[in-house]
C-alpha cells in the first residue's frame, strides 16, 4: 500500500512540495511491517508563514458566523463521504 500526498493545504488549495524545494523529508512505515513504506512527505519551511496567515484569515471568517451557522458547516463536514 502506498499513499500519495498532495502537499500543504492553505489559501484554499494544495501546494505541492517538490523534492528540490524540500528542507526535510518525513518517511512513514507501517507499524505492522516496518519494511512496508507508506509515504514520504516533503517539508518546506517557507510555507509556514503562508499557512499561519491562511489560518488567521479563515478564523476571521469563522468567528463572524453565529452559532447556528457554525452548526450547519460542522454537520456538512460530519456527514460528507
Protein backbone atom coordinates (compact mmCIF):
# COMPACT_ATOMS: atom_id res chain seq x y z
CA UNK A 1 0.00 0.00 0.00
CA UNK A 2 1.34 3.41 -0.93
CA UNK A 3 -0.28 6.77 -0.29
CA UNK A 4 0.03 9.86 -2.46
CA UNK A 5 0.32 13.20 -0.68
CA UNK A 6 -0.95 16.35 -2.37
CA UNK A 7 1.21 18.83 -0.46
CA UNK A 8 0.43 21.56 2.05
CA UNK A 9 -3.12 22.90 2.11
CA UNK A 10 -3.51 26.65 2.60
CA UNK A 11 -5.32 29.58 0.97
CA UNK A 12 -7.97 27.16 -0.32
CA UNK A 13 -5.77 24.81 -2.33
CA UNK A 14 -2.98 22.25 -2.17
CA UNK A 15 0.58 23.42 -2.77
CA UNK A 16 2.81 20.53 -3.81
CA UNK A 17 6.34 20.37 -2.46
CA UNK A 18 8.93 19.11 -4.90
CA UNK A 19 11.97 17.15 -3.83
CA UNK A 20 14.18 20.07 -4.83
CA UNK A 21 12.29 22.62 -2.67
CA UNK A 22 12.05 20.35 0.39
CA UNK A 23 14.02 21.21 3.51
CA UNK A 24 13.44 17.77 5.02
CA UNK A 25 11.54 14.56 4.39
CA UNK A 26 9.35 12.57 6.76
CA UNK A 27 9.08 8.87 5.92
CA UNK A 28 6.25 6.77 7.32
CA UNK A 29 6.37 2.99 7.55
CA UNK A 30 3.65 0.55 8.53
CA UNK A 31 3.82 -0.26 12.26
CA UNK A 32 2.76 -3.82 11.40
CA UNK A 33 5.54 -4.29 8.84
CA UNK A 34 8.49 -1.91 9.11
CA UNK A 35 9.67 -2.88 5.64
CA UNK A 36 6.42 -1.53 4.15
CA UNK A 37 6.96 2.11 3.20
CA UNK A 38 3.64 4.02 3.25
CA UNK A 39 4.54 7.56 2.27
CA UNK A 40 7.22 10.24 2.20
CA UNK A 41 6.26 13.81 3.00
CA UNK A 42 8.44 16.65 1.81
CA UNK A 43 8.73 19.51 4.30
CA UNK A 44 9.07 23.10 3.08
CA UNK A 45 9.56 25.61 5.89
CA UNK A 46 8.84 28.54 3.55
CA UNK A 47 5.15 27.56 3.71
CA UNK A 48 4.90 28.15 7.47
CA UNK A 49 4.14 31.88 7.31
CA UNK A 50 1.62 31.37 4.49
CA UNK A 51 -0.13 28.61 6.45
CA UNK A 52 -0.36 30.80 9.55
CA UNK A 53 -1.72 33.74 7.53
CA UNK A 54 -4.25 31.45 5.85
CA UNK A 55 -5.45 30.05 9.17
CA UNK A 56 -5.86 33.54 10.63
CA UNK A 57 -7.92 34.61 7.61
CA UNK A 58 -10.07 31.51 7.98
CA UNK A 59 -10.59 32.21 11.66
CA UNK A 60 -11.73 35.77 10.90
CA UNK A 61 -14.47 34.35 8.65
CA UNK A 62 -15.39 31.64 11.16
CA UNK A 63 -15.70 33.95 14.14
CA UNK A 64 -18.18 36.18 12.28
CA UNK A 65 -20.63 33.28 11.95
CA UNK A 66 -23.27 32.85 14.61
CA UNK A 67 -23.65 29.56 16.45
CA UNK A 68 -26.39 28.17 14.17
CA UNK A 69 -24.34 28.89 11.03
CA UNK A 70 -21.35 27.11 12.55
CA UNK A 71 -23.50 24.08 13.35
CA UNK A 72 -24.62 23.88 9.71
CA UNK A 73 -20.99 23.85 8.48
CA UNK A 74 -19.92 21.28 11.04
CA UNK A 75 -22.82 18.98 10.18
CA UNK A 76 -21.92 19.22 6.47
CA UNK A 77 -18.38 18.20 7.35
CA UNK A 78 -19.57 15.39 9.64
CA UNK A 79 -21.74 13.71 7.01
CA UNK A 80 -19.52 14.03 3.95
CA UNK A 81 -18.06 10.88 2.44
